[in-house]
Structure formats: C-alpha cells, structure tokens
C-alpha cells in the first residue's frame, strides 16, 4: 500500500466515523502511527447505533 492509499483510507475512515471532515493534521498523525506499526485503539461503542 502506498502512502497516498493509506492516507486516503485513514481520511475516509475518520470521515465516516466522525461524520465530519477530519483535520489534515489528524489524518497525517494517524497515518504516521500506522506506518510505524503503533496499535491504535479507537473506542467506537458510543458511535455505533443500537441494535
């Protein structure tokens, strides 16, 4: 995966999760963490609809 593809994927995931346009610095920061192999825990329970 290229850097551009990873960054695009991070952008789309953040946009879907937050329902807003994510700040560029946040996209870049998370992309860099992923590239370094840092595990990112993202609690999503408050964002998921109730079944």
N, C-alpha and C. Protein backbone atom coordinates (compact mmCIF):
# COMPACT_ATOMS: atom_id res chain seq x y z
N UNK A 1 0.85 -1.17 0.00
CA UNK A 1 0.00 0.00 0.00
C UNK A 1 0.90 1.24 0.00
N UNK A 2 0.58 2.16 -0.88
CA UNK A 2 1.38 3.39 -0.94
C UNK A 2 0.97 4.34 0.19
N UNK A 3 1.81 5.34 0.43
CA UNK A 3 1.48 6.34 1.45
C UNK A 3 0.18 7.05 1.11
N UNK A 4 -0.02 7.35 -0.16
CA UNK A 4 -1.24 8.03 -0.59
C UNK A 4 -2.48 7.18 -0.36
N UNK A 5 -2.38 5.89 -0.63
CA UNK A 5 -3.53 5.00 -0.41
C UNK A 5 -3.85 4.88 1.08
N UNK A 6 -2.80 4.77 1.90
CA UNK A 6 -3.02 4.69 3.34
C UNK A 6 -3.64 5.96 3.87
N UNK A 7 -3.11 7.10 3.44
CA UNK A 7 -3.65 8.38 3.90
C UNK A 7 -5.11 8.54 3.48
N UNK A 8 -5.42 8.14 2.25
CA UNK A 8 -6.80 8.22 1.76
C UNK A 8 -7.72 7.32 2.58
N UNK A 9 -7.25 6.13 2.91
CA UNK A 9 -8.04 5.22 3.73
C UNK A 9 -8.29 5.77 5.13
N UNK A 10 -7.26 6.36 5.72
CA UNK A 10 -7.42 6.97 7.04
C UNK A 10 -8.42 8.12 6.96
N UNK A 11 -8.30 8.95 5.94
CA UNK A 11 -9.22 10.07 5.77
C UNK A 11 -10.67 9.59 5.67
N UNK A 12 -10.89 8.57 4.82
CA UNK A 12 -12.25 8.07 4.64
C UNK A 12 -12.80 7.45 5.92
N UNK A 13 -11.96 6.74 6.65
CA UNK A 13 -12.40 6.12 7.90
C UNK A 13 -12.76 7.19 8.94
N UNK A 14 -11.92 8.20 9.06
CA UNK A 14 -12.22 9.28 10.01
C UNK A 14 -13.48 10.03 9.62
N UNK A 15 -13.63 10.27 8.34
CA UNK A 15 -14.82 11.00 7.87
C UNK A 15 -16.10 10.20 8.15
N UNK A 16 -16.04 8.90 7.91
CA UNK A 16 -17.21 8.05 8.17
C UNK A 16 -17.49 7.97 9.67
N UNK A 17 -16.45 7.84 10.47
CA UNK A 17 -16.61 7.69 11.92
C UNK A 17 -17.13 8.96 12.57
N UNK A 18 -16.58 10.11 12.20
CA UNK A 18 -16.94 11.37 12.86
C UNK A 18 -18.07 12.11 12.16
N UNK A 19 -18.39 11.70 10.93
CA UNK A 19 -19.40 12.40 10.12
C UNK A 19 -19.01 13.84 9.86
N UNK A 20 -17.70 14.14 9.91
CA UNK A 20 -17.17 15.47 9.64
C UNK A 20 -15.90 15.33 8.81
N UNK A 21 -15.45 16.44 8.25
CA UNK A 21 -14.18 16.42 7.54
C UNK A 21 -13.06 16.46 8.57
N UNK A 22 -12.21 15.44 8.60
CA UNK A 22 -11.15 15.41 9.61
C UNK A 22 -10.05 16.42 9.29
N UNK A 23 -9.45 16.99 10.34
CA UNK A 23 -8.33 17.91 10.12
C UNK A 23 -7.14 17.18 9.47
N UNK A 24 -6.45 17.86 8.59
CA UNK A 24 -5.30 17.28 7.90
C UNK A 24 -4.26 16.77 8.90
N UNK A 25 -4.02 17.52 9.97
CA UNK A 25 -3.01 17.12 10.95
C UNK A 25 -3.39 15.80 11.62
N UNK A 26 -4.67 15.56 11.85
CA UNK A 26 -5.13 14.31 12.46
C UNK A 26 -4.93 13.14 11.50
N UNK A 27 -5.26 13.34 10.24
CA UNK A 27 -5.07 12.30 9.22
C UNK A 27 -3.59 11.96 9.11
N UNK A 28 -2.75 12.97 9.04
CA UNK A 28 -1.31 12.75 8.91
C UNK A 28 -0.74 12.05 10.14
N UNK A 29 -1.19 12.44 11.31
CA UNK A 29 -0.71 11.84 12.56
C UNK A 29 -1.07 10.36 12.66
N UNK A 30 -2.31 10.04 12.36
CA UNK A 30 -2.74 8.64 12.42
C UNK A 30 -2.05 7.82 11.34
N UNK A 31 -1.88 8.39 10.15
CA UNK A 31 -1.18 7.69 9.08
C UNK A 31 0.25 7.37 9.49
N UNK A 32 0.93 8.32 10.12
CA UNK A 32 2.31 8.10 10.57
C UNK A 32 2.37 7.02 11.65
N UNK A 33 1.41 7.01 12.56
CA UNK A 33 1.38 5.98 13.60
C UNK A 33 1.21 4.59 12.99
N UNK A 34 0.33 4.48 12.02
CA UNK A 34 0.10 3.20 11.36
C UNK A 34 1.37 2.76 10.64
N UNK A 35 2.03 3.66 9.95
CA UNK A 35 3.27 3.33 9.24
C UNK A 35 4.35 2.83 10.20
N UNK A 36 4.37 3.37 11.44
CA UNK A 36 5.37 2.94 12.44
C UNK A 36 4.95 1.66 13.14
N UNK A 37 3.74 1.18 12.89
CA UNK A 37 3.28 -0.06 13.49
C UNK A 37 2.68 0.10 14.87
N UNK A 38 2.32 1.33 15.23
CA UNK A 38 1.72 1.60 16.54
C UNK A 38 0.25 1.17 16.52
N UNK A 39 -0.15 0.42 17.53
CA UNK A 39 -1.55 0.00 17.62
C UNK A 39 -2.41 1.19 18.03
N UNK A 40 -3.52 1.35 17.34
CA UNK A 40 -4.43 2.45 17.62
C UNK A 40 -5.74 1.86 18.14
N UNK A 41 -6.04 2.12 19.39
CA UNK A 41 -7.32 1.69 19.97
C UNK A 41 -8.30 2.83 19.82
N UNK A 42 -9.45 2.53 19.23
CA UNK A 42 -10.44 3.56 18.97
C UNK A 42 -11.79 3.07 19.47
N UNK A 43 -12.16 3.47 20.69
CA UNK A 43 -13.46 3.02 21.21
C UNK A 43 -14.59 3.61 20.37
N UNK A 44 -15.39 2.73 19.82
CA UNK A 44 -16.45 3.18 18.92
C UNK A 44 -17.84 2.89 19.47
N UNK A 45 -17.92 2.39 20.67
CA UNK A 45 -19.23 1.97 21.18
C UNK A 45 -20.24 3.11 21.25
N UNK A 46 -19.78 4.33 21.53
CA UNK A 46 -20.73 5.45 21.61
C UNK A 46 -21.14 5.96 20.23
N UNK A 47 -20.47 5.50 19.17
CA UNK A 47 -20.79 5.93 17.81
C UNK A 47 -21.63 4.90 17.05
N UNK A 48 -21.75 3.70 17.60
CA UNK A 48 -22.48 2.66 16.89
C UNK A 48 -23.97 2.71 17.23
N UNK A 49 -24.83 2.54 16.24
CA UNK A 49 -26.26 2.56 16.52
C UNK A 49 -26.68 1.34 17.35
N UNK A 50 -27.67 1.53 18.16
CA UNK A 50 -28.20 0.42 18.97
C UNK A 50 -28.93 -0.56 18.07
N UNK A 51 -28.79 -1.81 18.36
CA UNK A 51 -29.45 -2.85 17.56
C UNK A 51 -30.87 -3.03 18.02
